[in-house]
Every structure is written in C-alpha cells, then in structure tokens.
Amino acid sequence: MKKFFQPLLERLHNFLEGMVDPEEDIPGDDTIETEETLHQLEQAQKAGKAVHVIYGQKSFTGDIARLDSHQVVLKDFSRSRTSIILLPDIKRVRPVPDAIKISQTKKI
C-alpha cells in the first residue's frame, strides 16, 4: 500500500511546490514545429488547396474552413463532417491534388 501512495504523494508535493514533472511535456517545446505547420496551412489556404492532416491516431482530408494561431477547422469535401484540430497535435500536413478532390466530390 505504501508503494501505491508514494508516487501520489510525490506528485502532490511537486504540484504544491510548483515543480514540473520531468516526464510531462512542457508546453512551448515544439513551437518551431507548430509555426511550420501553421505556415503550411496558411499557404494551402491562400492557394485554395485541400489538405490531408495527420494528428494523434487519426487523419482528416478536407478544405480549410477556418485557421487561427491555435487551431484549424477542416470540412470534408461533401461538407457533411467538420473537424477541429489543435495545431500542437498535428504531426503532418500535405496538400491534396485537385484530382483527388474532384473524385471525392463526385456523387456515385
């Protein structure tokens, strides 16, 4: 039982003392990656291109509906699904060729 409470007590003590757990990810460490991602998304938005975004364990392909410094809102090609993605969560951004967009929007 002592082994169970020891890590909890250490974390509580660190929290009360204002210390950061070395295992936790410190915000602001990957600002360069976030800035690069934001730049890629801004370029795609200016060009009117659709993007394929990989984030977490998911991915989404669609048009950029809204973009700000913290998040991007994407809508799929049929406008039926919307995804709000935080920029620090994005692992990869790639533009989608127009042929893919056209084939996805055609009704079967």
Protein backbone atom coordinates (compact mmCIF):
# COMPACT_ATOMS: atom_id res chain seq x y z
CA MET A 1 0.00 0.00 0.00
CA LYS A 2 2.92 2.30 0.74
CA LYS A 3 4.24 1.84 -2.82
CA PHE A 4 0.85 2.87 -4.14
CA PHE A 5 0.69 6.16 -2.24
CA GLN A 6 4.36 7.16 -2.62
CA PRO A 7 4.10 8.35 -6.28
CA LEU A 8 0.86 10.15 -5.48
CA LEU A 9 2.44 11.95 -2.55
CA GLU A 10 5.47 12.92 -4.68
CA ARG A 11 3.26 14.37 -7.40
CA LEU A 12 1.16 16.24 -4.86
CA HIS A 13 4.27 17.63 -3.23
CA ASN A 14 5.70 18.71 -6.62
CA PHE A 15 2.40 20.33 -7.54
CA LEU A 16 2.23 22.28 -4.30
CA GLU A 17 5.87 23.36 -4.64
CA GLY A 18 5.28 24.45 -8.25
CA MET A 19 7.70 21.98 -9.74
CA VAL A 20 7.15 20.40 -13.15
CA ASP A 21 7.24 16.64 -13.53
CA PRO A 22 10.16 15.78 -15.86
CA GLU A 23 8.01 13.14 -17.57
CA GLU A 24 5.39 15.69 -18.58
CA ASP A 25 5.69 17.52 -21.87
CA ILE A 26 6.46 21.17 -21.28
CA PRO A 27 4.24 23.48 -23.37
CA GLY A 28 6.17 25.57 -25.87
CA ASP A 29 8.86 22.97 -26.58
CA ASP A 30 7.70 22.38 -30.13
CA THR A 31 6.84 25.94 -31.14
CA ILE A 32 9.05 25.65 -34.24
CA GLU A 33 7.07 22.64 -35.48
CA THR A 34 3.80 24.45 -34.75
CA GLU A 35 4.99 27.51 -36.68
CA GLU A 36 5.98 25.34 -39.65
CA THR A 37 2.59 23.61 -39.55
CA LEU A 38 0.82 26.97 -39.38
CA HIS A 39 2.86 28.22 -42.34
CA GLN A 40 1.97 25.14 -44.43
CA LEU A 41 -1.71 25.54 -43.60
CA GLU A 42 -1.64 29.27 -44.45
CA GLN A 43 -0.05 28.51 -47.83
CA ALA A 44 -2.69 25.88 -48.60
CA GLN A 45 -5.48 28.24 -47.56
CA LYS A 46 -4.15 31.06 -49.77
CA ALA A 47 -3.87 28.69 -52.73
CA GLY A 48 -7.34 27.25 -52.08
CA LYS A 49 -5.94 23.73 -51.80
CA ALA A 50 -7.38 20.91 -49.76
CA VAL A 51 -5.10 19.30 -47.18
CA HIS A 52 -4.55 15.91 -45.60
CA VAL A 53 -3.74 16.28 -41.89
CA ILE A 54 -2.37 13.52 -39.66
CA TYR A 55 -2.90 14.15 -35.96
CA GLY A 56 -2.82 11.82 -32.96
CA GLN A 57 -4.00 8.41 -34.17
CA LYS A 58 -6.33 9.94 -36.78
CA SER A 59 -6.23 11.71 -40.11
CA PHE A 60 -8.59 14.04 -41.96
CA THR A 61 -8.76 15.22 -45.56
CA GLY A 62 -10.69 18.34 -46.49
CA ASP A 63 -10.82 22.07 -47.09
CA ILE A 64 -9.68 24.62 -44.53
CA ALA A 65 -12.77 26.37 -43.17
CA ARG A 66 -11.01 28.46 -40.54
CA LEU A 67 -7.44 28.89 -39.37
CA ASP A 68 -6.05 30.74 -36.39
CA SER A 69 -2.87 30.58 -34.32
CA HIS A 70 -4.10 27.72 -32.10
CA GLN A 71 -6.37 25.52 -34.21
CA VAL A 72 -7.61 24.69 -37.68
CA VAL A 73 -11.17 23.82 -38.69
CA LEU A 74 -11.44 21.43 -41.63
CA LYS A 75 -14.54 20.39 -43.56
CA ASP A 76 -14.64 17.30 -45.72
CA PHE A 77 -15.38 17.61 -49.41
CA SER A 78 -19.10 16.87 -49.09
CA ARG A 79 -19.35 19.41 -46.22
CA SER A 80 -21.02 16.81 -44.00
CA ARG A 81 -18.21 16.42 -41.48
CA THR A 82 -16.16 19.02 -39.63
CA SER A 83 -13.01 18.51 -37.59
CA ILE A 84 -11.38 20.97 -35.17
CA ILE A 85 -7.70 20.18 -34.71
CA LEU A 86 -5.28 21.89 -32.34
CA LEU A 87 -2.03 22.86 -34.06
CA PRO A 88 0.30 21.21 -31.50
CA ASP A 89 -1.50 17.88 -32.13
CA ILE A 90 -0.74 17.92 -35.87
CA LYS A 91 2.05 15.58 -36.94
CA ARG A 92 1.95 16.12 -40.71
CA VAL A 93 0.22 18.35 -43.29
CA ARG A 94 0.20 17.67 -47.02
CA PRO A 95 -1.73 19.34 -49.85
CA VAL A 96 -4.21 17.17 -51.73
CA PRO A 97 -4.06 17.06 -55.55
CA ASP A 98 -7.08 18.54 -57.33
CA ALA A 99 -7.82 15.18 -58.99
CA ILE A 100 -8.40 13.58 -55.58
CA LYS A 101 -10.69 16.40 -54.53
CA ILE A 102 -12.73 16.10 -57.74
CA SER A 103 -13.06 12.32 -57.42
CA GLN A 104 -14.17 12.63 -53.78
CA THR A 105 -16.86 15.23 -54.55
CA LYS A 106 -18.45 13.26 -57.40
CA LYS A 107 -21.66 11.53 -56.39
CA ILE A 108 -21.85 7.84 -57.11
